[in-house]
């Protein structure tokens, strides 16, 4: 096992140090593309074990483990948790996120509204074209509800509705 737990305490959390950090990082790709790989890579590069990171971000270890193992669909991952993990690991807030998560973080409502206006749609017309209720469009634009991935895929695209 390439890990060794040292009794160092940071914020009452044990720190994981790899005997060989390169061996630990081999568990991930050099340029992680899945959110699970990004989470694991950030944690290992920071030298933090799962227990410590879970405590630092305010979740139980099992939740963090499910995220790192890809057992939670990326669409169902809590974006604020991904940002907290990135901060705890000392990486950019969007490092652990997919492009869809970045869309949510970077004011999805304003992006949807801008796209709708560029297309010349009212909220009602957009709702009809997308097959959703007008209230759904309003809530997306007000950032009250997280728009589904398929809406993100449409934003900014020139489509013929």
N, C-alpha and C. Protein backbone atom coordinates (compact mmCIF):
# COMPACT_ATOMS: atom_id res chain seq x y z
N UNK A 1 0.86 -1.18 0.00
CA UNK A 1 0.00 0.00 0.00
C UNK A 1 0.90 1.24 0.00
N UNK A 2 0.71 2.16 -0.97
CA UNK A 2 1.63 3.30 -1.10
C UNK A 2 1.34 4.44 -0.13
N UNK A 3 0.45 4.26 0.84
CA UNK A 3 0.11 5.35 1.74
C UNK A 3 0.59 5.07 3.16
N UNK A 4 0.83 6.13 3.87
CA UNK A 4 1.19 6.00 5.26
C UNK A 4 0.50 7.13 6.01
N UNK A 5 -0.24 6.81 7.04
CA UNK A 5 -0.93 7.83 7.80
C UNK A 5 0.02 8.38 8.86
N UNK A 6 0.21 9.67 8.84
CA UNK A 6 1.03 10.34 9.83
C UNK A 6 0.11 11.02 10.83
N UNK A 7 0.53 11.15 12.08
CA UNK A 7 -0.35 11.73 13.08
C UNK A 7 -0.47 13.25 13.01
N UNK A 8 -0.02 13.87 11.93
CA UNK A 8 -0.14 15.33 11.81
C UNK A 8 -1.61 15.72 11.82
N UNK A 9 -1.92 16.77 12.52
CA UNK A 9 -3.31 17.21 12.61
C UNK A 9 -3.43 18.60 11.98
N UNK A 10 -4.37 18.73 11.08
CA UNK A 10 -4.71 20.02 10.49
C UNK A 10 -6.21 20.13 10.61
N UNK A 11 -6.68 21.13 11.30
CA UNK A 11 -8.11 21.29 11.55
C UNK A 11 -8.69 20.00 12.14
N UNK A 12 -7.99 19.40 13.05
CA UNK A 12 -8.41 18.16 13.71
C UNK A 12 -8.59 17.01 12.71
N UNK A 13 -7.89 17.08 11.56
CA UNK A 13 -8.02 16.03 10.55
C UNK A 13 -6.65 15.43 10.25
N UNK A 14 -6.60 14.11 10.10
CA UNK A 14 -5.34 13.45 9.76
C UNK A 14 -5.01 13.73 8.30
N UNK A 15 -3.75 13.88 8.01
CA UNK A 15 -3.29 14.14 6.66
C UNK A 15 -2.68 12.86 6.09
N UNK A 16 -3.00 12.58 4.85
CA UNK A 16 -2.48 11.41 4.17
C UNK A 16 -1.24 11.84 3.39
N UNK A 17 -0.15 11.14 3.57
CA UNK A 17 1.04 11.42 2.79
C UNK A 17 1.40 10.14 2.04
N UNK A 18 1.56 10.25 0.76
CA UNK A 18 1.96 9.09 -0.02
C UNK A 18 3.45 8.88 0.17
N UNK A 19 3.86 7.63 0.35
CA UNK A 19 5.30 7.36 0.41
C UNK A 19 5.91 7.83 -0.90
N UNK A 20 5.19 7.60 -1.97
CA UNK A 20 5.60 8.12 -3.27
C UNK A 20 4.35 8.75 -3.88
N UNK A 21 4.33 10.08 -3.93
CA UNK A 21 3.15 10.77 -4.45
C UNK A 21 2.85 10.32 -5.87
N UNK A 22 3.88 10.04 -6.65
CA UNK A 22 3.64 9.60 -8.03
C UNK A 22 2.85 8.30 -8.05
N UNK A 23 3.10 7.41 -7.10
CA UNK A 23 2.35 6.16 -7.04
C UNK A 23 0.89 6.44 -6.74
N UNK A 24 0.64 7.41 -5.86
CA UNK A 24 -0.74 7.77 -5.53
C UNK A 24 -1.43 8.39 -6.73
N UNK A 25 -0.72 9.25 -7.45
CA UNK A 25 -1.34 9.94 -8.58
C UNK A 25 -1.55 9.01 -9.77
N UNK A 26 -0.86 7.88 -9.80
CA UNK A 26 -1.07 6.92 -10.88
C UNK A 26 -2.48 6.32 -10.83
N UNK A 27 -3.14 6.46 -9.68
CA UNK A 27 -4.52 6.00 -9.58
C UNK A 27 -5.44 6.86 -10.44
N UNK A 28 -4.96 8.04 -10.81
CA UNK A 28 -5.71 8.96 -11.63
C UNK A 28 -4.95 9.19 -12.93
N UNK A 29 -5.62 9.75 -13.89
CA UNK A 29 -4.94 10.13 -15.11
C UNK A 29 -4.24 11.45 -14.88
N UNK A 30 -3.25 11.78 -15.69
CA UNK A 30 -2.54 13.05 -15.55
C UNK A 30 -3.45 14.23 -15.84
N UNK A 31 -4.39 14.05 -16.74
CA UNK A 31 -5.35 15.09 -17.08
C UNK A 31 -6.74 14.50 -16.90
N UNK A 32 -7.22 14.47 -15.68
CA UNK A 32 -8.50 13.80 -15.41
C UNK A 32 -9.65 14.43 -16.19
N UNK A 33 -10.51 13.56 -16.71
CA UNK A 33 -11.63 14.09 -17.47
C UNK A 33 -12.97 13.85 -16.79
N UNK A 34 -13.07 12.83 -15.95
CA UNK A 34 -14.32 12.64 -15.23
C UNK A 34 -14.24 13.40 -13.90
N UNK A 35 -15.38 13.79 -13.39
CA UNK A 35 -15.42 14.50 -12.11
C UNK A 35 -14.84 13.62 -11.01
N UNK A 36 -15.14 12.32 -11.05
CA UNK A 36 -14.61 11.40 -10.04
C UNK A 36 -13.08 11.42 -10.05
N UNK A 37 -12.47 11.35 -11.25
CA UNK A 37 -11.01 11.40 -11.35
C UNK A 37 -10.46 12.73 -10.87
N UNK A 38 -11.17 13.81 -11.19
CA UNK A 38 -10.71 15.14 -10.77
C UNK A 38 -10.71 15.26 -9.25
N UNK A 39 -11.75 14.72 -8.62
CA UNK A 39 -11.83 14.76 -7.16
C UNK A 39 -10.69 13.98 -6.53
N UNK A 40 -10.49 12.76 -7.02
CA UNK A 40 -9.44 11.90 -6.48
C UNK A 40 -8.07 12.53 -6.73
N UNK A 41 -7.85 13.05 -7.92
CA UNK A 41 -6.57 13.68 -8.27
C UNK A 41 -6.28 14.86 -7.35
N UNK A 42 -7.27 15.75 -7.16
CA UNK A 42 -7.07 16.93 -6.31
C UNK A 42 -6.75 16.52 -4.89
N UNK A 43 -7.47 15.52 -4.37
CA UNK A 43 -7.25 15.07 -3.00
C UNK A 43 -5.87 14.47 -2.84
N UNK A 44 -5.48 13.59 -3.76
CA UNK A 44 -4.18 12.94 -3.65
C UNK A 44 -3.04 13.93 -3.85
N UNK A 45 -3.20 14.84 -4.80
CA UNK A 45 -2.16 15.85 -5.03
C UNK A 45 -1.98 16.74 -3.80
N UNK A 46 -3.07 16.98 -3.07
CA UNK A 46 -3.00 17.79 -1.85
C UNK A 46 -2.49 16.97 -0.66
N UNK A 47 -2.44 15.64 -0.81
CA UNK A 47 -1.96 14.78 0.26
C UNK A 47 -2.94 14.63 1.40
N UNK A 48 -4.23 14.61 1.09
CA UNK A 48 -5.27 14.53 2.11
C UNK A 48 -6.00 13.20 1.98
N UNK A 49 -6.25 12.53 3.10
CA UNK A 49 -6.99 11.27 3.01
C UNK A 49 -8.50 11.56 2.97
N UNK A 50 -9.28 10.54 2.64
CA UNK A 50 -10.73 10.71 2.49
C UNK A 50 -11.40 11.15 3.78
N UNK A 51 -10.98 10.57 4.90
CA UNK A 51 -11.59 10.96 6.17
C UNK A 51 -11.38 12.43 6.46
N UNK A 52 -10.16 12.89 6.26
CA UNK A 52 -9.83 14.28 6.54
C UNK A 52 -10.59 15.22 5.61
N UNK A 53 -10.62 14.88 4.33
CA UNK A 53 -11.32 15.74 3.37
C UNK A 53 -12.81 15.77 3.65
N UNK A 54 -13.38 14.63 3.97
CA UNK A 54 -14.82 14.58 4.28
C UNK A 54 -15.13 15.50 5.46
N UNK A 55 -14.28 15.46 6.47
CA UNK A 55 -14.48 16.33 7.63
C UNK A 55 -14.33 17.80 7.25
N UNK A 56 -13.34 18.09 6.42
CA UNK A 56 -13.08 19.48 6.01
C UNK A 56 -14.24 20.08 5.22
N UNK A 57 -14.92 19.27 4.41
CA UNK A 57 -15.99 19.79 3.56
C UNK A 57 -17.38 19.53 4.13
N UNK A 58 -17.45 18.85 5.26
CA UNK A 58 -18.72 18.68 5.94
C UNK A 58 -19.63 17.60 5.41
N UNK A 59 -19.05 16.50 4.91
CA UNK A 59 -19.85 15.35 4.49
C UNK A 59 -19.26 14.11 5.14
N UNK A 60 -19.99 13.00 5.08
CA UNK A 60 -19.42 11.78 5.63
C UNK A 60 -18.52 11.13 4.57
N UNK A 61 -17.62 10.29 5.03
CA UNK A 61 -16.64 9.67 4.15
C UNK A 61 -17.32 8.85 3.05
N UNK A 62 -18.43 8.21 3.37
CA UNK A 62 -19.14 7.38 2.38
C UNK A 62 -19.61 8.22 1.19
N UNK A 63 -20.05 9.43 1.45
CA UNK A 63 -20.49 10.32 0.37
C UNK A 63 -19.31 10.65 -0.53
N UNK A 64 -18.21 11.04 0.08
CA UNK A 64 -17.01 11.36 -0.69
C UNK A 64 -16.53 10.15 -1.49
N UNK A 65 -16.58 8.99 -0.88
CA UNK A 65 -16.17 7.75 -1.55
C UNK A 65 -17.05 7.48 -2.77
N UNK A 66 -18.36 7.66 -2.64
CA UNK A 66 -19.27 7.45 -3.77
C UNK A 66 -18.97 8.44 -4.90
N UNK A 67 -18.66 9.69 -4.56
CA UNK A 67 -18.31 10.68 -5.57
C UNK A 67 -17.02 10.27 -6.29
N UNK A 68 -15.99 9.89 -5.53
CA UNK A 68 -14.70 9.53 -6.12
C UNK A 68 -14.77 8.25 -6.94
N UNK A 69 -15.64 7.34 -6.59
CA UNK A 69 -15.76 6.08 -7.32
C UNK A 69 -16.72 6.18 -8.50
N UNK A 70 -17.31 7.35 -8.71
CA UNK A 70 -18.23 7.53 -9.83
C UNK A 70 -19.57 6.88 -9.62
N UNK A 71 -19.92 6.59 -8.36
CA UNK A 71 -21.20 5.96 -8.08
C UNK A 71 -22.35 6.97 -8.06
N UNK A 72 -22.00 8.26 -8.05
CA UNK A 72 -23.01 9.31 -8.13
C UNK A 72 -22.91 9.91 -9.53
N UNK A 73 -24.02 9.97 -10.21
CA UNK A 73 -24.05 10.56 -11.55
C UNK A 73 -23.58 12.00 -11.48
N UNK A 74 -22.78 12.42 -12.46
CA UNK A 74 -22.28 13.80 -12.46
C UNK A 74 -23.43 14.81 -12.45
N UNK A 75 -24.53 14.49 -13.08
CA UNK A 75 -25.68 15.39 -13.09
C UNK A 75 -26.30 15.54 -11.71
N UNK A 76 -26.11 14.56 -10.84
CA UNK A 76 -26.69 14.59 -9.49
C UNK A 76 -25.71 15.04 -8.41
N UNK A 77 -24.49 15.36 -8.81
CA UNK A 77 -23.51 15.80 -7.82
C UNK A 77 -23.84 17.21 -7.35
N UNK A 78 -23.61 17.47 -6.07
CA UNK A 78 -23.85 18.79 -5.50
C UNK A 78 -22.70 19.71 -5.91
N UNK A 79 -23.01 20.74 -6.68
CA UNK A 79 -22.00 21.63 -7.20
C UNK A 79 -21.26 22.34 -6.06
N UNK A 80 -21.99 22.72 -5.01
CA UNK A 80 -21.33 23.40 -3.90
C UNK A 80 -20.34 22.48 -3.19
N UNK A 81 -20.60 21.18 -3.16
CA UNK A 81 -19.66 20.23 -2.57
C UNK A 81 -18.38 20.15 -3.41
N UNK A 82 -18.54 20.14 -4.72
CA UNK A 82 -17.37 20.10 -5.60
C UNK A 82 -16.49 21.33 -5.40
N UNK A 83 -17.12 22.47 -5.22
CA UNK A 83 -16.38 23.72 -4.99
C UNK A 83 -15.67 23.67 -3.63
N UNK A 84 -16.35 23.14 -2.60
CA UNK A 84 -15.72 23.03 -1.28
C UNK A 84 -14.52 22.08 -1.30
N UNK A 85 -14.64 20.98 -2.04
CA UNK A 85 -13.52 20.04 -2.17
C UNK A 85 -12.35 20.74 -2.85
N UNK A 86 -12.62 21.47 -3.92
CA UNK A 86 -11.55 22.18 -4.63
C UNK A 86 -10.84 23.16 -3.70
N UNK A 87 -11.62 23.90 -2.92
CA UNK A 87 -11.03 24.87 -1.99
C UNK A 87 -10.18 24.17 -0.94
N UNK A 88 -10.68 23.05 -0.40
CA UNK A 88 -9.94 22.31 0.63
C UNK A 88 -8.64 21.73 0.08
N UNK A 89 -8.64 21.40 -1.21
CA UNK A 89 -7.45 20.82 -1.83
C UNK A 89 -6.52 21.88 -2.41
N UNK A 90 -6.95 23.13 -2.37
CA UNK A 90 -6.09 24.21 -2.85
C UNK A 90 -6.00 24.33 -4.35
N UNK A 91 -7.07 23.95 -5.05
CA UNK A 91 -7.10 24.09 -6.50
C UNK A 91 -8.21 25.08 -6.89
N UNK A 92 -8.22 25.47 -8.15
CA UNK A 92 -9.23 26.39 -8.65
C UNK A 92 -10.63 25.85 -8.37
N UNK A 93 -11.58 26.75 -8.10
CA UNK A 93 -12.93 26.30 -7.70
C UNK A 93 -13.62 25.47 -8.77
N UNK A 94 -13.24 25.62 -10.03
CA UNK A 94 -13.86 24.85 -11.10
C UNK A 94 -13.09 23.59 -11.46
N UNK A 95 -11.96 23.34 -10.80
CA UNK A 95 -11.13 22.19 -11.16
C UNK A 95 -11.90 20.87 -11.07
N UNK A 96 -12.67 20.68 -10.05
CA UNK A 96 -13.38 19.41 -9.82
C UNK A 96 -14.71 19.34 -10.57
N UNK A 97 -15.02 20.34 -11.36
CA UNK A 97 -16.32 20.43 -12.02
C UNK A 97 -16.25 20.01 -13.49
N UNK A 98 -17.38 19.55 -14.00
CA UNK A 98 -17.53 19.34 -15.44
C UNK A 98 -17.93 20.68 -16.05
N UNK A 99 -18.01 20.73 -17.36
CA UNK A 99 -18.46 21.96 -18.02
C UNK A 99 -19.89 22.32 -17.62
N UNK A 100 -20.71 21.30 -17.41
CA UNK A 100 -22.09 21.53 -16.96
C UNK A 100 -22.11 22.17 -15.57
N UNK A 101 -21.26 21.69 -14.66
CA UNK A 101 -21.19 22.28 -13.33
C UNK A 101 -20.71 23.72 -13.40
N UNK A 102 -19.75 23.99 -14.27
CA UNK A 102 -19.25 25.36 -14.43
C UNK A 102 -20.38 26.27 -14.92
N UNK A 103 -21.23 25.75 -15.80
CA UNK A 103 -22.39 26.49 -16.29
C UNK A 103 -23.31 26.86 -15.12
N UNK A 104 -23.53 25.91 -14.21
CA UNK A 104 -24.39 26.16 -13.05
C UNK A 104 -23.76 27.21 -12.14
N UNK A 105 -22.46 27.09 -11.91
CA UNK A 105 -21.76 28.02 -11.01
C UNK A 105 -21.71 29.43 -11.57
N UNK A 106 -21.48 29.52 -12.86
CA UNK A 106 -21.29 30.83 -13.50
C UNK A 106 -22.62 31.42 -13.97
N UNK A 107 -23.60 31.49 -13.10
CA UNK A 107 -24.89 32.13 -13.33
C UNK A 107 -25.63 31.58 -14.55
N UNK A 108 -26.06 30.35 -14.43
CA UNK A 108 -26.81 29.68 -15.49
C UNK A 108 -28.03 30.48 -15.92
N UNK A 109 -28.71 31.10 -14.94
CA UNK A 109 -29.92 31.86 -15.26
C UNK A 109 -29.66 32.98 -16.25
N UNK A 110 -28.60 33.73 -16.04
CA UNK A 110 -28.27 34.83 -16.96
C UNK A 110 -27.91 34.29 -18.34
N UNK A 111 -27.23 33.15 -18.38
CA UNK A 111 -26.86 32.56 -19.67
C UNK A 111 -28.09 32.07 -20.43
N UNK A 112 -29.03 31.47 -19.70
CA UNK A 112 -30.26 31.00 -20.35
C UNK A 112 -31.06 32.18 -20.88
N UNK A 113 -31.17 33.21 -20.06
CA UNK A 113 -31.92 34.40 -20.46
C UNK A 113 -31.29 35.06 -21.69
N UNK A 114 -29.97 35.19 -21.68
CA UNK A 114 -29.27 35.80 -22.82
C UNK A 114 -29.50 34.97 -24.08
N UNK A 115 -29.39 33.65 -23.96
CA UNK A 115 -29.61 32.77 -25.10
C UNK A 115 -31.05 32.89 -25.61
N UNK A 116 -32.01 32.92 -24.69
CA UNK A 116 -33.42 33.03 -25.07
C UNK A 116 -33.66 34.31 -25.86
N UNK A 117 -33.08 35.42 -25.38
CA UNK A 117 -33.28 36.70 -26.07
C UNK A 117 -32.59 36.72 -27.43
N UNK A 118 -31.40 36.09 -27.52
CA UNK A 118 -30.71 36.00 -28.81
C UNK A 118 -31.54 35.22 -29.82
N UNK A 119 -32.28 34.22 -29.34
CA UNK A 119 -33.13 33.42 -30.21
C UNK A 119 -34.45 34.14 -30.53
N UNK A 120 -34.72 35.25 -29.82
CA UNK A 120 -35.95 36.01 -30.05
C UNK A 120 -37.17 35.37 -29.41
N UNK A 121 -36.97 34.59 -28.36
CA UNK A 121 -38.06 33.90 -27.70
C UNK A 121 -38.52 34.67 -26.47
N UNK A 122 -39.82 34.62 -26.22
CA UNK A 122 -40.34 35.02 -24.91
C UNK A 122 -40.18 33.78 -24.02
N UNK A 123 -40.40 33.96 -22.74
CA UNK A 123 -40.33 32.80 -21.85
C UNK A 123 -41.38 31.76 -22.24
N UNK A 124 -42.55 32.26 -22.62
CA UNK A 124 -43.64 31.35 -23.00
C UNK A 124 -43.28 30.57 -24.27
N UNK A 125 -42.74 31.27 -25.27
CA UNK A 125 -42.39 30.60 -26.52
C UNK A 125 -41.27 29.59 -26.29
N UNK A 126 -40.31 29.96 -25.47
CA UNK A 126 -39.22 29.03 -25.17
C UNK A 126 -39.75 27.79 -24.47
N UNK A 127 -40.66 27.99 -23.53
CA UNK A 127 -41.24 26.86 -22.80
C UNK A 127 -41.98 25.92 -23.76
N UNK A 128 -42.72 26.48 -24.68
CA UNK A 128 -43.46 25.66 -25.65
C UNK A 128 -42.48 24.88 -26.52
N UNK A 129 -41.44 25.55 -27.02
CA UNK A 129 -40.47 24.91 -27.90
C UNK A 129 -39.70 23.80 -27.19
N UNK A 130 -39.43 24.01 -25.89
CA UNK A 130 -38.67 23.01 -25.13
C UNK A 130 -39.56 21.94 -24.51
N UNK A 131 -40.89 22.17 -24.52
CA UNK A 131 -41.80 21.19 -23.94
C UNK A 131 -41.80 21.20 -22.42
N UNK A 132 -41.59 22.39 -21.84
CA UNK A 132 -41.61 22.54 -20.38
C UNK A 132 -42.61 23.62 -20.02
N UNK A 133 -42.88 23.77 -18.75
CA UNK A 133 -43.78 24.82 -18.28
C UNK A 133 -43.06 26.16 -18.26
N UNK A 134 -43.81 27.23 -18.41
CA UNK A 134 -43.25 28.57 -18.35
C UNK A 134 -42.59 28.79 -16.98
N UNK A 135 -43.20 28.24 -15.95
CA UNK A 135 -42.63 28.40 -14.60
C UNK A 135 -41.23 27.79 -14.52
N UNK A 136 -40.97 26.73 -15.28
CA UNK A 136 -39.63 26.11 -15.27
C UNK A 136 -38.61 27.08 -15.86
N UNK A 137 -38.96 27.70 -16.97
CA UNK A 137 -38.06 28.67 -17.61
C UNK A 137 -37.80 29.84 -16.66
N UNK A 138 -38.86 30.34 -16.03
CA UNK A 138 -38.71 31.45 -15.08
C UNK A 138 -37.79 31.07 -13.93
N UNK A 139 -37.98 29.89 -13.38
CA UNK A 139 -37.16 29.46 -12.24
C UNK A 139 -35.70 29.24 -12.65
N UNK A 140 -35.47 28.73 -13.86
CA UNK A 140 -34.09 28.60 -14.34
C UNK A 140 -33.43 29.98 -14.44
N UNK A 141 -34.16 30.92 -15.04
CA UNK A 141 -33.60 32.25 -15.25
C UNK A 141 -33.36 32.99 -13.93
N UNK A 142 -34.12 32.66 -12.91
CA UNK A 142 -33.95 33.29 -11.60
C UNK A 142 -32.98 32.50 -10.72
N UNK A 143 -32.38 31.46 -11.27
CA UNK A 143 -31.46 30.58 -10.53
C UNK A 143 -32.11 29.95 -9.30
N UNK A 144 -33.42 29.74 -9.38
CA UNK A 144 -34.13 29.06 -8.29
C UNK A 144 -34.09 27.56 -8.47
N UNK A 145 -34.02 27.09 -9.71
CA UNK A 145 -33.90 25.67 -10.01
C UNK A 145 -32.69 25.47 -10.92
N UNK A 146 -32.03 24.35 -10.74
CA UNK A 146 -30.89 24.00 -11.59
C UNK A 146 -31.43 23.47 -12.91
N UNK A 147 -31.07 24.08 -14.02
CA UNK A 147 -31.55 23.56 -15.31
C UNK A 147 -30.91 22.20 -15.61
N UNK A 148 -31.66 21.31 -16.25
CA UNK A 148 -31.09 20.00 -16.58
C UNK A 148 -29.98 20.12 -17.63
N UNK A 149 -29.19 19.08 -17.75
CA UNK A 149 -28.05 19.08 -18.67
C UNK A 149 -28.48 19.40 -20.10
N UNK A 150 -29.60 18.89 -20.55
CA UNK A 150 -30.00 19.11 -21.94
C UNK A 150 -30.25 20.59 -22.22
N UNK A 151 -30.64 21.36 -21.21
CA UNK A 151 -30.81 22.81 -21.40
C UNK A 151 -29.43 23.44 -21.58
N UNK A 152 -28.47 23.01 -20.78
CA UNK A 152 -27.10 23.52 -20.90
C UNK A 152 -26.57 23.24 -22.31
N UNK A 153 -26.88 22.07 -22.84
CA UNK A 153 -26.40 21.70 -24.17
C UNK A 153 -26.98 22.60 -25.25
N UNK A 154 -28.16 23.18 -24.99
CA UNK A 154 -28.77 24.08 -25.98
C UNK A 154 -28.24 25.51 -25.90
N UNK A 155 -27.87 25.95 -24.71
CA UNK A 155 -27.49 27.35 -24.51
C UNK A 155 -26.26 27.67 -25.34
N UNK A 156 -26.39 28.74 -26.11
CA UNK A 156 -25.27 29.18 -26.93
C UNK A 156 -25.19 28.47 -28.26
N UNK A 157 -25.98 27.43 -28.45
CA UNK A 157 -25.96 26.71 -29.71
C UNK A 157 -26.96 27.34 -30.66
N UNK A 158 -26.62 27.36 -31.90
CA UNK A 158 -27.53 27.87 -32.89
C UNK A 158 -28.37 26.68 -33.37
N UNK A 159 -29.61 26.63 -32.91
CA UNK A 159 -30.46 25.50 -33.27
C UNK A 159 -31.69 26.00 -33.99
N UNK A 160 -32.26 25.18 -34.77
CA UNK A 160 -33.45 25.52 -35.54
C UNK A 160 -34.66 24.91 -34.85
N UNK A 161 -35.37 25.76 -34.11
CA UNK A 161 -36.53 25.26 -33.40
C UNK A 161 -37.73 25.56 -34.24
